[in-house]
Amino acid sequence: MRETYKDFDATELFCSRCKRAVPVKKRLILILPEGEKYNYKCVYCGASIGDKMVTQQRNIKVTLR
């Protein structure tokens, strides 16, 4: 069996302010029990133009003292 892609990252998205496809910066904004939430921002005007939730199964143990 061929291995399939599990995760993609955007390199360009359409920015409604710039009115064209632009390069984006990916920034981690939240770490949740369900996964990590990322935000994509336009490199020219800084507008938020997308987001992404990456879910992974992890065995996380939290110890409170």
PDB file of N, CA and C in Angstrom:
ATOM      1  N   MET A   1       0.830  -1.191   0.000  1.00  0.00           N
ATOM      2  CA  MET A   1       0.000   0.000   0.000  1.00  0.00           C
ATOM      3  C   MET A   1       0.867   1.244   0.000  1.00  0.00           C
ATOM      4  N   ARG A   2       0.405   2.261  -0.703  1.00  0.00           N
ATOM      5  CA  ARG A   2       1.125   3.525  -0.740  1.00  0.00           C
ATOM      6  C   ARG A   2       0.789   4.363   0.479  1.00  0.00           C
ATOM      7  N   GLU A   3       1.792   5.048   0.955  1.00  0.00           N
ATOM      8  CA  GLU A   3       1.583   5.936   2.100  1.00  0.00           C
ATOM      9  C   GLU A   3       0.860   7.202   1.619  1.00  0.00           C
ATOM     10  N   THR A   4      -0.095   7.670   2.401  1.00  0.00           N
ATOM     11  CA  THR A   4      -0.843   8.867   2.029  1.00  0.00           C
ATOM     12  C   THR A   4      -0.378  10.055   2.854  1.00  0.00           C
ATOM     13  N   TYR A   5      -0.659  11.238   2.334  1.00  0.00           N
ATOM     14  CA  TYR A   5      -0.316  12.457   3.063  1.00  0.00           C
ATOM     15  C   TYR A   5      -1.257  12.623   4.238  1.00  0.00           C
ATOM     16  N   LYS A   6      -0.723  13.039   5.351  1.00  0.00           N
ATOM     17  CA  LYS A   6      -1.535  13.210   6.548  1.00  0.00           C
ATOM     18  C   LYS A   6      -1.756  14.669   6.895  1.00  0.00           C
ATOM     19  N   ASP A   7      -0.886  15.552   6.418  1.00  0.00           N
ATOM     20  CA  ASP A   7      -0.973  16.946   6.813  1.00  0.00           C
ATOM     21  C   ASP A   7      -0.410  17.845   5.711  1.00  0.00           C
ATOM     22  N   PHE A   8      -1.116  18.928   5.406  1.00  0.00           N
ATOM     23  CA  PHE A   8      -0.664  19.907   4.441  1.00  0.00           C
ATOM     24  C   PHE A   8      -0.584  21.269   5.101  1.00  0.00           C
ATOM     25  N   ASP A   9       0.353  22.084   4.667  1.00  0.00           N
ATOM     26  CA  ASP A   9       0.457  23.461   5.114  1.00  0.00           C
ATOM     27  C   ASP A   9       0.270  24.375   3.913  1.00  0.00           C
ATOM     28  N   ALA A  10      -0.503  25.433   4.095  1.00  0.00           N
ATOM     29  CA  ALA A  10      -0.717  26.396   3.024  1.00  0.00           C
ATOM     30  C   ALA A  10       0.516  27.276   2.885  1.00  0.00           C
ATOM     31  N   THR A  11       0.902  27.569   1.654  1.00  0.00           N
ATOM     32  CA  THR A  11       1.988  28.515   1.410  1.00  0.00           C
ATOM     33  C   THR A  11       1.438  29.822   0.860  1.00  0.00           C
ATOM     34  N   GLU A  12       0.293  29.757   0.161  1.00  0.00           N
ATOM     35  CA  GLU A  12      -0.383  30.943  -0.350  1.00  0.00           C
ATOM     36  C   GLU A  12      -1.886  30.772  -0.196  1.00  0.00           C
ATOM     37  N   LEU A  13      -2.555  31.859   0.184  1.00  0.00           N
ATOM     38  CA  LEU A  13      -4.011  31.889   0.281  1.00  0.00           C
ATOM     39  C   LEU A  13      -4.511  33.215  -0.278  1.00  0.00           C
ATOM     40  N   PHE A  14      -5.810  33.289  -0.611  1.00  0.00           N
ATOM     41  CA  PHE A  14      -6.383  34.530  -1.118  1.00  0.00           C
ATOM     42  C   PHE A  14      -6.644  35.496   0.035  1.00  0.00           C
ATOM     43  N   CYS A  15      -6.147  36.724  -0.099  1.00  0.00           N
ATOM     44  CA  CYS A  15      -6.362  37.769   0.900  1.00  0.00           C
ATOM     45  C   CYS A  15      -7.422  38.727   0.362  1.00  0.00           C
ATOM     46  N   SER A  16      -8.492  38.921   1.121  1.00  0.00           N
ATOM     47  CA  SER A  16      -9.575  39.797   0.658  1.00  0.00           C
ATOM     48  C   SER A  16      -9.173  41.272   0.695  1.00  0.00           C
ATOM     49  N   ARG A  17      -8.225  41.629   1.538  1.00  0.00           N
ATOM     50  CA  ARG A  17      -7.743  43.024   1.560  1.00  0.00           C
ATOM     51  C   ARG A  17      -6.839  43.321   0.372  1.00  0.00           C
ATOM     52  N   CYS A  18      -5.912  42.413   0.085  1.00  0.00           N
ATOM     53  CA  CYS A  18      -4.965  42.614  -1.015  1.00  0.00           C
ATOM     54  C   CYS A  18      -5.558  42.242  -2.376  1.00  0.00           C
ATOM     55  N   LYS A  19      -6.678  41.506  -2.354  1.00  0.00           N
ATOM     56  CA  LYS A  19      -7.397  41.090  -3.569  1.00  0.00           C
ATOM     57  C   LYS A  19      -6.569  40.185  -4.481  1.00  0.00           C
ATOM     58  N   ARG A  20      -5.751  39.328  -3.857  1.00  0.00           N
ATOM     59  CA  ARG A  20      -4.947  38.377  -4.638  1.00  0.00           C
ATOM     60  C   ARG A  20      -4.426  37.274  -3.727  1.00  0.00           C
ATOM     61  N   ALA A  21      -3.882  36.234  -4.335  1.00  0.00           N
ATOM     62  CA  ALA A  21      -3.242  35.168  -3.565  1.00  0.00           C
ATOM     63  C   ALA A  21      -1.906  35.687  -3.055  1.00  0.00           C
ATOM     64  N   VAL A  22      -1.647  35.485  -1.775  1.00  0.00           N
ATOM     65  CA  VAL A  22      -0.435  36.022  -1.147  1.00  0.00           C
ATOM     66  C   VAL A  22       0.238  34.946  -0.307  1.00  0.00           C
ATOM     67  N   PRO A  23       1.544  35.077  -0.087  1.00  0.00           N
ATOM     68  CA  PRO A  23       2.214  34.170   0.847  1.00  0.00           C
ATOM     69  C   PRO A  23       1.663  34.386   2.255  1.00  0.00           C
ATOM     70  N   VAL A  24       1.684  33.330   3.048  1.00  0.00           N
ATOM     71  CA  VAL A  24       1.136  33.420   4.402  1.00  0.00           C
ATOM     72  C   VAL A  24       2.160  32.988   5.438  1.00  0.00           C
ATOM     73  N   LYS A  25       1.972  33.478   6.663  1.00  0.00           N
ATOM     74  CA  LYS A  25       2.740  33.031   7.814  1.00  0.00           C
ATOM     75  C   LYS A  25       1.815  32.183   8.671  1.00  0.00           C
ATOM     76  N   LYS A  26       2.294  31.039   9.089  1.00  0.00           N
ATOM     77  CA  LYS A  26       1.521  30.137   9.943  1.00  0.00           C
ATOM     78  C   LYS A  26       1.965  30.358  11.385  1.00  0.00           C
ATOM     79  N   ARG A  27       0.989  30.575  12.276  1.00  0.00           N
ATOM     80  CA  ARG A  27       1.305  30.854  13.673  1.00  0.00           C
ATOM     81  C   ARG A  27       0.449  29.978  14.580  1.00  0.00           C
ATOM     82  N   LEU A  28       1.077  29.336  15.547  1.00  0.00           N
ATOM     83  CA  LEU A  28       0.368  28.539  16.548  1.00  0.00           C
ATOM     84  C   LEU A  28      -0.346  29.488  17.500  1.00  0.00           C
ATOM     85  N   ILE A  29      -1.680  29.303  17.646  1.00  0.00           N
ATOM     86  CA  ILE A  29      -2.415  30.199  18.538  1.00  0.00           C
ATOM     87  C   ILE A  29      -2.971  29.494  19.774  1.00  0.00           C
ATOM     88  N   LEU A  30      -3.271  28.197  19.683  1.00  0.00           N
ATOM     89  CA  LEU A  30      -3.818  27.473  20.828  1.00  0.00           C
ATOM     90  C   LEU A  30      -3.319  26.035  20.840  1.00  0.00           C
ATOM     91  N   ILE A  31      -3.083  25.530  22.032  1.00  0.00           N
ATOM     92  CA  ILE A  31      -2.814  24.101  22.208  1.00  0.00           C
ATOM     93  C   ILE A  31      -3.963  23.570  23.054  1.00  0.00           C
ATOM     94  N   LEU A  32      -4.756  22.716  22.462  1.00  0.00           N
ATOM     95  CA  LEU A  32      -5.946  22.165  23.105  1.00  0.00           C
ATOM     96  C   LEU A  32      -5.788  20.665  23.295  1.00  0.00           C
ATOM     97  N   PRO A  33      -6.608  20.059  24.151  1.00  0.00           N
ATOM     98  CA  PRO A  33      -6.551  18.590  24.291  1.00  0.00           C
ATOM     99  C   PRO A  33      -6.864  17.881  22.966  1.00  0.00           C
ATOM    100  N   GLU A  34      -7.671  18.507  22.108  1.00  0.00           N
ATOM    101  CA  GLU A  34      -8.033  17.890  20.822  1.00  0.00           C
ATOM    102  C   GLU A  34      -6.941  18.047  19.782  1.00  0.00           C
ATOM    103  N   GLY A  35      -6.043  19.020  19.964  1.00  0.00           N
ATOM    104  CA  GLY A  35      -4.988  19.262  18.981  1.00  0.00           C
ATOM    105  C   GLY A  35      -4.479  20.689  19.065  1.00  0.00           C
ATOM    106  N   GLU A  36      -3.817  21.120  18.002  1.00  0.00           N
ATOM    107  CA  GLU A  36      -3.234  22.450  17.952  1.00  0.00           C
ATOM    108  C   GLU A  36      -3.941  23.290  16.899  1.00  0.00           C
ATOM    109  N   LYS A  37      -4.226  24.551  17.231  1.00  0.00           N
ATOM    110  CA  LYS A  37      -4.906  25.447  16.301  1.00  0.00           C
ATOM    111  C   LYS A  37      -3.904  26.472  15.790  1.00  0.00           C
ATOM    112  N   TYR A  38      -3.830  26.589  14.464  1.00  0.00           N
ATOM    113  CA  TYR A  38      -2.925  27.511  13.802  1.00  0.00           C
ATOM    114  C   TYR A  38      -3.725  28.573  13.062  1.00  0.00           C
ATOM    115  N   ASN A  39      -3.098  29.744  12.871  1.00  0.00           N
ATOM    116  CA  ASN A  39      -3.715  30.834  12.134  1.00  0.00           C
ATOM    117  C   ASN A  39      -2.784  31.210  10.991  1.00  0.00           C
ATOM    118  N   TYR A  40      -3.369  31.494   9.818  1.00  0.00           N
ATOM    119  CA  TYR A  40      -2.605  31.951   8.666  1.00  0.00           C
ATOM    120  C   TYR A  40      -2.831  33.443   8.484  1.00  0.00           C
ATOM    121  N   LYS A  41      -1.727  34.222   8.360  1.00  0.00           N
ATOM    122  CA  LYS A  41      -1.803  35.665   8.177  1.00  0.00           C
ATOM    123  C   LYS A  41      -1.114  36.066   6.886  1.00  0.00           C
ATOM    124  N   CYS A  42      -1.669  37.094   6.218  1.00  0.00           N
ATOM    125  CA  CYS A  42      -1.085  37.659   5.010  1.00  0.00           C
ATOM    126  C   CYS A  42       0.250  38.315   5.371  1.00  0.00           C
ATOM    127  N   VAL A  43       1.302  38.062   4.584  1.00  0.00           N
ATOM    128  CA  VAL A  43       2.606  38.643   4.884  1.00  0.00           C
ATOM    129  C   VAL A  43       2.657  40.136   4.535  1.00  0.00           C
ATOM    130  N   TYR A  44       1.730  40.613   3.703  1.00  0.00           N
ATOM    131  CA  TYR A  44       1.751  42.019   3.289  1.00  0.00           C
ATOM    132  C   TYR A  44       0.945  42.917   4.226  1.00  0.00           C
ATOM    133  N   CYS A  45      -0.291  42.567   4.509  1.00  0.00           N
ATOM    134  CA  CYS A  45      -1.150  43.451   5.309  1.00  0.00           C
ATOM    135  C   CYS A  45      -1.415  42.927   6.720  1.00  0.00           C
ATOM    136  N   GLY A  46      -1.068  41.672   7.010  1.00  0.00           N
ATOM    137  CA  GLY A  46      -1.252  41.112   8.343  1.00  0.00           C
ATOM    138  C   GLY A  46      -2.649  40.614   8.642  1.00  0.00           C
ATOM    139  N   ALA A  47      -3.530  40.603   7.647  1.00  0.00           N
ATOM    140  CA  ALA A  47      -4.897  40.136   7.858  1.00  0.00           C
ATOM    141  C   ALA A  47      -4.920  38.630   8.114  1.00  0.00           C
ATOM    142  N   SER A  48      -5.806  38.209   9.001  1.00  0.00           N
ATOM    143  CA  SER A  48      -6.013  36.792   9.253  1.00  0.00           C
ATOM    144  C   SER A  48      -6.836  36.235   8.099  1.00  0.00           C
ATOM    145  N   ILE A  49      -6.287  35.265   7.372  1.00  0.00           N
ATOM    146  CA  ILE A  49      -6.988  34.769   6.189  1.00  0.00           C
ATOM    147  C   ILE A  49      -7.276  33.271   6.229  1.00  0.00           C
ATOM    148  N   GLY A  50      -7.038  32.646   7.349  1.00  0.00           N
ATOM    149  CA  GLY A  50      -7.378  31.235   7.458  1.00  0.00           C
ATOM    150  C   GLY A  50      -6.900  30.658   8.767  1.00  0.00           C
ATOM    151  N   ASP A  51      -7.416  29.473   9.088  1.00  0.00           N
ATOM    152  CA  ASP A  51      -6.936  28.769  10.257  1.00  0.00           C
ATOM    153  C   ASP A  51      -6.964  27.280   9.990  1.00  0.00           C
ATOM    154  N   LYS A  52      -6.320  26.551  10.887  1.00  0.00           N
ATOM    155  CA  LYS A  52      -6.172  25.117  10.704  1.00  0.00           C
ATOM    156  C   LYS A  52      -6.108  24.450  12.070  1.00  0.00           C
ATOM    157  N   MET A  53      -6.783  23.334  12.202  1.00  0.00           N
ATOM    158  CA  MET A  53      -6.749  22.545  13.435  1.00  0.00           C
ATOM    159  C   MET A  53      -6.032  21.236  13.114  1.00  0.00           C
ATOM    160  N   VAL A  54      -4.960  20.960  13.820  1.00  0.00           N
ATOM    161  CA  VAL A  54      -4.192  19.726  13.631  1.00  0.00           C
ATOM    162  C   VAL A  54      -4.479  18.829  14.822  1.00  0.00           C
ATOM    163  N   THR A  55      -5.099  17.706  14.551  1.00  0.00           N
ATOM    164  CA  THR A  55      -5.423  16.769  15.624  1.00  0.00           C
ATOM    165  C   THR A  55      -4.500  15.566  15.532  1.00  0.00           C
ATOM    166  N   GLN A  56      -3.970  15.198  16.681  1.00  0.00           N
ATOM    167  CA  GLN A  56      -3.100  14.040  16.770  1.00  0.00           C
ATOM    168  C   GLN A  56      -3.454  13.300  18.040  1.00  0.00           C
ATOM    169  N   GLN A  57      -3.371  12.000  17.977  1.00  0.00           N
ATOM    170  CA  GLN A  57      -3.612  11.226  19.184  1.00  0.00           C
ATOM    171  C   GLN A  57      -2.317  11.163  19.976  1.00  0.00           C
ATOM    172  N   ARG A  58      -2.386  11.697  21.169  1.00  0.00           N
ATOM    173  CA  ARG A  58      -1.211  11.709  22.036  1.00  0.00           C
ATOM    174  C   ARG A  58      -1.614  11.192  23.401  1.00  0.00           C
ATOM    175  N   ASN A  59      -0.667  10.619  24.061  1.00  0.00           N
ATOM    176  CA  ASN A  59      -0.875  10.201  25.443  1.00  0.00           C
ATOM    177  C   ASN A  59      -0.241  11.263  26.330  1.00  0.00           C
ATOM    178  N   ILE A  60      -1.051  12.207  26.774  1.00  0.00           N
ATOM    179  CA  ILE A  60      -0.570  13.297  27.605  1.00  0.00           C
ATOM    180  C   ILE A  60      -1.007  13.057  29.035  1.00  0.00           C
ATOM    181  N   LYS A  61      -0.054  13.161  29.934  1.00  0.00           N
ATOM    182  CA  LYS A  61      -0.355  13.036  31.350  1.00  0.00           C
ATOM    183  C   LYS A  61      -0.084  14.380  32.011  1.00  0.00           C
ATOM    184  N   VAL A  62      -1.029  14.847  32.800  1.00  0.00           N
ATOM    185  CA  VAL A  62      -0.861  16.100  33.505  1.00  0.00           C
ATOM    186  C   VAL A  62      -0.844  15.777  34.994  1.00  0.00           C
ATOM    187  N   THR A  63       0.174  16.262  35.675  1.00  0.00           N
ATOM    188  CA  THR A  63       0.314  16.038  37.101  1.00  0.00           C
ATOM    189  C   THR A  63       0.236  17.387  37.796  1.00  0.00           C
ATOM    190  N   LEU A  64      -0.728  17.519  38.713  1.00  0.00           N
ATOM    191  CA  LEU A  64      -0.884  18.754  39.482  1.00  0.00           C
ATOM    192  C   LEU A  64      -0.418  18.499  40.899  1.00  0.00           C
ATOM    193  N   ARG A  65       0.292  19.457  41.447  1.00  0.00           N
ATOM    194  CA  ARG A  65       0.786  19.313  42.820  1.00  0.00           C
ATOM    195  C   ARG A  65       0.167  20.346  43.684  1.00  0.00           C
TER     196      ARG A  65
END
